Amino acid sequence: MKEWIYLITLFMIYLIFQHFIKKYFAENPIIEGLENCDLDQNDLVYKNKATISQQQQEINDFKKSIMEELNNLQKKIKSFNIKLTNNKKNITTNATSIKSSISNIHDAVNQKSKELDKFSGTDSSSS
């Protein structure tokens, strides 16, 4: 009976050593569960791989379209910023021209008022 126990123990030690040697020292360790994989294209592994690659392609296409949209929006924002600065410059130019025009109108009104005062014989500065 002792011989059987020694034999089983030696066999177990052999299996453990063999496992570690194959796992850590083999050039191409075999991944358990895939060595007998069916090479048929209808196999679930191939279907899942195809599904994953299709989904990855859809994700890449989505990223590409989003990046194009983002670039278009950035171009629009830049053009809006340019138009905004141009409009601000035009507003300040228009404001100064309006002030100048109003000043000229007031000067013309004062001039006409003096001319009318001369014709009427009254002096507006005395009132």
N, C-alpha and C. Protein backbone atom coordinates (compact mmCIF):
# COMPACT_ATOMS: atom_id res chain seq x y z
N MET A 1 0.82 -1.19 0.00
CA MET A 1 0.00 0.00 0.00
C MET A 1 0.86 1.26 0.00
N LYS A 2 2.00 1.17 0.72
CA LYS A 2 2.90 2.32 0.75
C LYS A 2 3.46 2.58 -0.64
N GLU A 3 3.68 1.53 -1.38
CA GLU A 3 4.24 1.68 -2.72
C GLU A 3 3.28 2.47 -3.62
N TRP A 4 1.98 2.18 -3.47
CA TRP A 4 0.99 2.89 -4.27
C TRP A 4 0.97 4.38 -3.90
N ILE A 5 1.08 4.69 -2.65
CA ILE A 5 1.08 6.09 -2.21
C ILE A 5 2.32 6.79 -2.76
N TYR A 6 3.49 6.13 -2.69
CA TYR A 6 4.71 6.71 -3.24
C TYR A 6 4.59 6.92 -4.75
N LEU A 7 4.01 5.95 -5.41
CA LEU A 7 3.85 6.03 -6.85
C LEU A 7 2.90 7.17 -7.24
N ILE A 8 1.81 7.30 -6.55
CA ILE A 8 0.84 8.37 -6.83
C ILE A 8 1.47 9.73 -6.53
N THR A 9 2.22 9.81 -5.43
CA THR A 9 2.88 11.06 -5.06
C THR A 9 3.90 11.46 -6.13
N LEU A 10 4.72 10.51 -6.57
CA LEU A 10 5.70 10.79 -7.61
C LEU A 10 5.02 11.22 -8.91
N PHE A 11 3.94 10.57 -9.24
CA PHE A 11 3.20 10.92 -10.45
C PHE A 11 2.63 12.35 -10.34
N MET A 12 2.12 12.73 -9.19
CA MET A 12 1.58 14.08 -8.98
C MET A 12 2.70 15.12 -9.07
N ILE A 13 3.85 14.81 -8.46
CA ILE A 13 4.99 15.73 -8.52
C ILE A 13 5.45 15.88 -9.97
N TYR A 14 5.47 14.77 -10.70
CA TYR A 14 5.83 14.82 -12.12
C TYR A 14 4.87 15.73 -12.90
N LEU A 15 3.59 15.59 -12.64
CA LEU A 15 2.60 16.41 -13.34
C LEU A 15 2.75 17.90 -12.99
N ILE A 16 3.03 18.18 -11.75
CA ILE A 16 3.21 19.58 -11.33
C ILE A 16 4.43 20.18 -12.01
N PHE A 17 5.54 19.46 -12.00
CA PHE A 17 6.74 19.94 -12.68
C PHE A 17 6.51 20.13 -14.18
N GLN A 18 5.84 19.18 -14.77
CA GLN A 18 5.56 19.27 -16.20
C GLN A 18 4.69 20.50 -16.50
N HIS A 19 3.74 20.75 -15.63
CA HIS A 19 2.87 21.92 -15.82
C HIS A 19 3.69 23.21 -15.78
N PHE A 20 4.53 23.37 -14.77
CA PHE A 20 5.32 24.59 -14.65
C PHE A 20 6.34 24.73 -15.77
N ILE A 21 6.92 23.64 -16.18
CA ILE A 21 7.89 23.70 -17.28
C ILE A 21 7.20 24.13 -18.57
N LYS A 22 6.06 23.57 -18.88
CA LYS A 22 5.34 23.95 -20.10
C LYS A 22 4.82 25.39 -20.02
N LYS A 23 4.42 25.78 -18.85
CA LYS A 23 3.82 27.11 -18.69
C LYS A 23 4.87 28.21 -18.79
N TYR A 24 6.02 28.04 -18.15
CA TYR A 24 6.98 29.12 -18.06
C TYR A 24 8.18 28.99 -19.00
N PHE A 25 8.49 27.80 -19.46
CA PHE A 25 9.69 27.63 -20.25
C PHE A 25 9.43 27.22 -21.69
N ALA A 26 8.22 26.97 -22.06
CA ALA A 26 7.92 26.57 -23.43
C ALA A 26 7.95 27.81 -24.32
N GLU A 27 8.36 27.62 -25.59
CA GLU A 27 8.42 28.74 -26.52
C GLU A 27 7.02 29.22 -26.90
N ASN A 28 6.14 28.32 -27.20
CA ASN A 28 4.77 28.65 -27.55
C ASN A 28 3.83 27.92 -26.60
N PRO A 29 3.57 28.52 -25.47
CA PRO A 29 2.69 27.81 -24.53
C PRO A 29 1.28 27.68 -25.11
N ILE A 30 0.70 26.57 -24.90
CA ILE A 30 -0.65 26.30 -25.41
C ILE A 30 -1.64 26.89 -24.42
N ILE A 31 -2.56 27.66 -24.94
CA ILE A 31 -3.62 28.19 -24.10
C ILE A 31 -4.69 27.12 -24.02
N GLU A 32 -4.96 26.71 -22.83
CA GLU A 32 -5.91 25.62 -22.68
C GLU A 32 -7.28 26.03 -23.17
N GLY A 33 -7.92 25.13 -23.85
CA GLY A 33 -9.26 25.38 -24.33
C GLY A 33 -9.31 25.82 -25.78
N LEU A 34 -8.18 26.24 -26.36
CA LEU A 34 -8.19 26.70 -27.73
C LEU A 34 -7.42 25.78 -28.68
N GLU A 35 -6.74 24.79 -28.16
CA GLU A 35 -5.95 23.93 -29.04
C GLU A 35 -6.81 23.06 -29.95
N ASN A 36 -8.02 22.77 -29.53
CA ASN A 36 -8.92 21.95 -30.36
C ASN A 36 -10.04 22.79 -30.95
N CYS A 37 -9.77 24.06 -31.17
CA CYS A 37 -10.79 24.97 -31.67
C CYS A 37 -11.14 24.62 -33.11
N ASP A 38 -12.41 24.67 -33.40
CA ASP A 38 -12.90 24.35 -34.73
C ASP A 38 -12.53 25.47 -35.69
N LEU A 39 -12.00 25.11 -36.85
CA LEU A 39 -11.60 26.11 -37.83
C LEU A 39 -12.73 26.47 -38.78
N ASP A 40 -13.90 25.99 -38.53
CA ASP A 40 -15.06 26.27 -39.36
C ASP A 40 -15.44 27.74 -39.20
N GLN A 41 -15.77 28.39 -40.31
CA GLN A 41 -16.11 29.81 -40.26
C GLN A 41 -17.44 30.08 -39.57
N ASN A 42 -18.23 29.07 -39.36
CA ASN A 42 -19.51 29.23 -38.68
C ASN A 42 -19.36 29.09 -37.17
N ASP A 43 -18.16 28.89 -36.72
CA ASP A 43 -17.90 28.73 -35.30
C ASP A 43 -18.18 30.06 -34.58
N LEU A 44 -18.58 29.98 -33.33
CA LEU A 44 -18.92 31.18 -32.56
C LEU A 44 -17.73 32.10 -32.36
N VAL A 45 -16.52 31.53 -32.28
CA VAL A 45 -15.33 32.36 -32.11
C VAL A 45 -15.18 33.29 -33.31
N TYR A 46 -15.34 32.75 -34.51
CA TYR A 46 -15.21 33.56 -35.70
C TYR A 46 -16.35 34.55 -35.83
N LYS A 47 -17.55 34.14 -35.43
CA LYS A 47 -18.69 35.06 -35.48
C LYS A 47 -18.47 36.23 -34.53
N ASN A 48 -18.01 35.93 -33.33
CA ASN A 48 -17.76 36.99 -32.36
C ASN A 48 -16.64 37.91 -32.83
N LYS A 49 -15.61 37.33 -33.42
CA LYS A 49 -14.50 38.12 -33.93
C LYS A 49 -14.98 39.04 -35.04
N ALA A 50 -15.83 38.53 -35.93
CA ALA A 50 -16.37 39.36 -37.01
C ALA A 50 -17.26 40.46 -36.45
N THR A 51 -18.07 40.13 -35.45
CA THR A 51 -18.94 41.13 -34.84
C THR A 51 -18.11 42.23 -34.19
N ILE A 52 -17.06 41.83 -33.49
CA ILE A 52 -16.21 42.82 -32.82
C ILE A 52 -15.52 43.71 -33.84
N SER A 53 -15.01 43.12 -34.92
CA SER A 53 -14.34 43.95 -35.93
C SER A 53 -15.33 44.88 -36.62
N GLN A 54 -16.56 44.42 -36.85
CA GLN A 54 -17.57 45.29 -37.45
C GLN A 54 -17.92 46.44 -36.51
N GLN A 55 -18.07 46.14 -35.23
CA GLN A 55 -18.38 47.18 -34.26
C GLN A 55 -17.22 48.17 -34.14
N GLN A 56 -16.00 47.66 -34.20
CA GLN A 56 -14.84 48.54 -34.13
C GLN A 56 -14.80 49.47 -35.35
N GLN A 57 -15.14 48.94 -36.51
CA GLN A 57 -15.19 49.76 -37.72
C GLN A 57 -16.27 50.83 -37.61
N GLU A 58 -17.42 50.47 -37.06
CA GLU A 58 -18.49 51.45 -36.85
C GLU A 58 -18.05 52.54 -35.88
N ILE A 59 -17.34 52.15 -34.84
CA ILE A 59 -16.84 53.13 -33.87
C ILE A 59 -15.85 54.06 -34.55
N ASN A 60 -14.96 53.51 -35.37
CA ASN A 60 -13.98 54.34 -36.06
C ASN A 60 -14.66 55.30 -37.04
N ASP A 61 -15.68 54.81 -37.75
CA ASP A 61 -16.43 55.67 -38.65
C ASP A 61 -17.14 56.79 -37.88
N PHE A 62 -17.71 56.44 -36.73
CA PHE A 62 -18.37 57.44 -35.90
C PHE A 62 -17.38 58.49 -35.42
N LYS A 63 -16.20 58.04 -34.97
CA LYS A 63 -15.18 58.99 -34.52
C LYS A 63 -14.77 59.92 -35.66
N LYS A 64 -14.62 59.35 -36.85
CA LYS A 64 -14.21 60.16 -38.01
C LYS A 64 -15.27 61.21 -38.33
N SER A 65 -16.54 60.80 -38.34
CA SER A 65 -17.61 61.76 -38.66
C SER A 65 -17.72 62.83 -37.58
N ILE A 66 -17.55 62.45 -36.33
CA ILE A 66 -17.61 63.43 -35.23
C ILE A 66 -16.46 64.42 -35.34
N MET A 67 -15.27 63.93 -35.69
CA MET A 67 -14.13 64.82 -35.83
C MET A 67 -14.34 65.79 -37.00
N GLU A 68 -14.91 65.31 -38.09
CA GLU A 68 -15.21 66.20 -39.22
C GLU A 68 -16.22 67.25 -38.82
N GLU A 69 -17.25 66.84 -38.10
CA GLU A 69 -18.25 67.79 -37.63
C GLU A 69 -17.64 68.81 -36.69
N LEU A 70 -16.77 68.35 -35.81
CA LEU A 70 -16.11 69.24 -34.86
C LEU A 70 -15.23 70.25 -35.59
N ASN A 71 -14.50 69.79 -36.61
CA ASN A 71 -13.67 70.70 -37.39
C ASN A 71 -14.53 71.73 -38.12
N ASN A 72 -15.65 71.30 -38.67
CA ASN A 72 -16.54 72.25 -39.34
C ASN A 72 -17.07 73.29 -38.36
N LEU A 73 -17.45 72.85 -37.17
CA LEU A 73 -17.94 73.79 -36.17
C LEU A 73 -16.86 74.78 -35.74
N GLN A 74 -15.62 74.29 -35.62
CA GLN A 74 -14.52 75.18 -35.25
C GLN A 74 -14.28 76.23 -36.34
N LYS A 75 -14.40 75.82 -37.61
CA LYS A 75 -14.24 76.78 -38.71
C LYS A 75 -15.34 77.83 -38.65
N LYS A 76 -16.58 77.40 -38.38
CA LYS A 76 -17.68 78.34 -38.29
C LYS A 76 -17.48 79.32 -37.13
N ILE A 77 -16.99 78.80 -36.01
CA ILE A 77 -16.75 79.66 -34.84
C ILE A 77 -15.68 80.69 -35.17
N LYS A 78 -14.62 80.27 -35.86
CA LYS A 78 -13.57 81.22 -36.23
C LYS A 78 -14.12 82.30 -37.15
N SER A 79 -14.95 81.90 -38.12
CA SER A 79 -15.52 82.91 -39.02
C SER A 79 -16.46 83.84 -38.26
N PHE A 80 -17.23 83.32 -37.31
CA PHE A 80 -18.11 84.16 -36.51
C PHE A 80 -17.29 85.14 -35.66
N ASN A 81 -16.17 84.68 -35.12
CA ASN A 81 -15.33 85.57 -34.32
C ASN A 81 -14.76 86.69 -35.18
N ILE A 82 -14.36 86.36 -36.40
CA ILE A 82 -13.85 87.40 -37.31
C ILE A 82 -14.95 88.40 -37.63
N LYS A 83 -16.15 87.91 -37.91
CA LYS A 83 -17.27 88.80 -38.21
C LYS A 83 -17.62 89.66 -36.99
N LEU A 84 -17.52 89.06 -35.81
CA LEU A 84 -17.81 89.80 -34.58
C LEU A 84 -16.84 90.96 -34.40
N THR A 85 -15.56 90.70 -34.58
CA THR A 85 -14.58 91.78 -34.41
C THR A 85 -14.78 92.85 -35.48
N ASN A 86 -15.10 92.43 -36.71
CA ASN A 86 -15.37 93.42 -37.75
C ASN A 86 -16.60 94.26 -37.41
N ASN A 87 -17.64 93.61 -36.89
CA ASN A 87 -18.84 94.35 -36.50
C ASN A 87 -18.57 95.32 -35.36
N LYS A 88 -17.73 94.92 -34.41
CA LYS A 88 -17.39 95.82 -33.31
C LYS A 88 -16.66 97.05 -33.84
N LYS A 89 -15.73 96.82 -34.77
CA LYS A 89 -15.01 97.95 -35.36
C LYS A 89 -15.96 98.87 -36.11
N ASN A 90 -16.88 98.26 -36.87
CA ASN A 90 -17.86 99.07 -37.62
C ASN A 90 -18.78 99.85 -36.69
N ILE A 91 -19.14 99.24 -35.57
CA ILE A 91 -20.01 99.92 -34.62
C ILE A 91 -19.31 101.14 -34.03
N THR A 92 -18.05 101.00 -33.66
CA THR A 92 -17.32 102.15 -33.09
C THR A 92 -17.12 103.23 -34.16
N THR A 93 -16.84 102.81 -35.39
CA THR A 93 -16.70 103.78 -36.48
C THR A 93 -18.01 104.51 -36.72
N ASN A 94 -19.11 103.76 -36.75
CA ASN A 94 -20.43 104.39 -36.94
C ASN A 94 -20.79 105.32 -35.79
N ALA A 95 -20.44 104.92 -34.56
CA ALA A 95 -20.75 105.77 -33.40
C ALA A 95 -20.01 107.10 -33.50
N THR A 96 -18.74 107.05 -33.87
CA THR A 96 -17.98 108.31 -33.99
C THR A 96 -18.52 109.15 -35.14
N SER A 97 -18.90 108.51 -36.26
CA SER A 97 -19.44 109.29 -37.39
C SER A 97 -20.80 109.88 -37.03
N ILE A 98 -21.62 109.17 -36.27
CA ILE A 98 -22.91 109.70 -35.83
C ILE A 98 -22.70 110.90 -34.91
N LYS A 99 -21.76 110.78 -33.97
CA LYS A 99 -21.48 111.90 -33.06
C LYS A 99 -20.99 113.11 -33.85
N SER A 100 -20.14 112.83 -34.84
CA SER A 100 -19.64 113.93 -35.67
C SER A 100 -20.78 114.56 -36.47
N SER A 101 -21.66 113.72 -37.02
CA SER A 101 -22.80 114.25 -37.79
C SER A 101 -23.72 115.07 -36.91
N ILE A 102 -23.98 114.60 -35.71
CA ILE A 102 -24.85 115.34 -34.78
C ILE A 102 -24.20 116.67 -34.42
N SER A 103 -22.90 116.63 -34.20
CA SER A 103 -22.19 117.87 -33.89
C SER A 103 -22.29 118.85 -35.05
N ASN A 104 -22.13 118.31 -36.28
CA ASN A 104 -22.25 119.17 -37.46
C ASN A 104 -23.66 119.72 -37.60
N ILE A 105 -24.67 118.90 -37.30
CA ILE A 105 -26.06 119.35 -37.37
C ILE A 105 -26.31 120.45 -36.34
N HIS A 106 -25.79 120.28 -35.12
CA HIS A 106 -25.96 121.31 -34.08
C HIS A 106 -25.27 122.61 -34.51
N ASP A 107 -24.09 122.49 -35.10
CA ASP A 107 -23.39 123.69 -35.58
C ASP A 107 -24.19 124.37 -36.69
N ALA A 108 -24.76 123.55 -37.59
CA ALA A 108 -25.56 124.13 -38.68
C ALA A 108 -26.82 124.77 -38.13
N VAL A 109 -27.46 124.18 -37.13
CA VAL A 109 -28.66 124.75 -36.51
C VAL A 109 -28.31 126.08 -35.85
N ASN A 110 -27.20 126.10 -35.14
CA ASN A 110 -26.78 127.35 -34.49
C ASN A 110 -26.49 128.43 -35.53
N GLN A 111 -25.85 128.04 -36.63
CA GLN A 111 -25.54 128.99 -37.70
C GLN A 111 -26.83 129.55 -38.30
N LYS A 112 -27.79 128.67 -38.59
CA LYS A 112 -29.06 129.12 -39.18
C LYS A 112 -29.83 129.98 -38.18
N SER A 113 -29.72 129.62 -36.91
CA SER A 113 -30.40 130.40 -35.88
C SER A 113 -29.83 131.81 -35.83
N LYS A 114 -28.53 131.96 -35.96
CA LYS A 114 -27.90 133.28 -35.95
C LYS A 114 -28.31 134.07 -37.19
N GLU A 115 -28.38 133.37 -38.33
CA GLU A 115 -28.79 134.06 -39.56
C GLU A 115 -30.23 134.56 -39.44
N LEU A 116 -31.09 133.72 -38.86
CA LEU A 116 -32.49 134.13 -38.68
C LEU A 116 -32.59 135.29 -37.69
N ASP A 117 -31.77 135.26 -36.69
CA ASP A 117 -31.76 136.31 -35.70
C ASP A 117 -31.33 137.64 -36.36
N LYS A 118 -30.39 137.57 -37.30
CA LYS A 118 -29.94 138.76 -37.97
C LYS A 118 -31.07 139.35 -38.80
N PHE A 119 -31.85 138.47 -39.46
CA PHE A 119 -32.95 138.93 -40.29
C PHE A 119 -34.10 139.48 -39.45
N SER A 120 -34.30 138.89 -38.30
CA SER A 120 -35.41 139.35 -37.47
C SER A 120 -35.02 140.56 -36.64
N GLY A 121 -33.73 140.80 -36.51
CA GLY A 121 -33.28 141.97 -35.79
C GLY A 121 -33.09 141.72 -34.32
N THR A 122 -33.29 140.53 -33.86
CA THR A 122 -33.07 140.25 -32.46
C THR A 122 -31.79 139.46 -32.31
N ASP A 123 -31.17 139.59 -31.19
CA ASP A 123 -29.92 138.88 -30.92
C ASP A 123 -30.20 137.75 -29.95
N SER A 124 -29.85 136.53 -30.32
CA SER A 124 -30.14 135.37 -29.49
C SER A 124 -29.23 135.33 -28.28
N SER A 125 -28.08 136.03 -28.35
CA SER A 125 -27.16 135.98 -27.22
C SER A 125 -27.66 136.83 -26.07
N SER A 126 -28.57 137.79 -26.32
CA SER A 126 -29.09 138.64 -25.25
C SER A 126 -30.21 137.99 -24.50
N SER A 127 -30.85 136.95 -25.06
CA SER A 127 -31.97 136.36 -24.38
C SER A 127 -31.58 135.46 -23.32
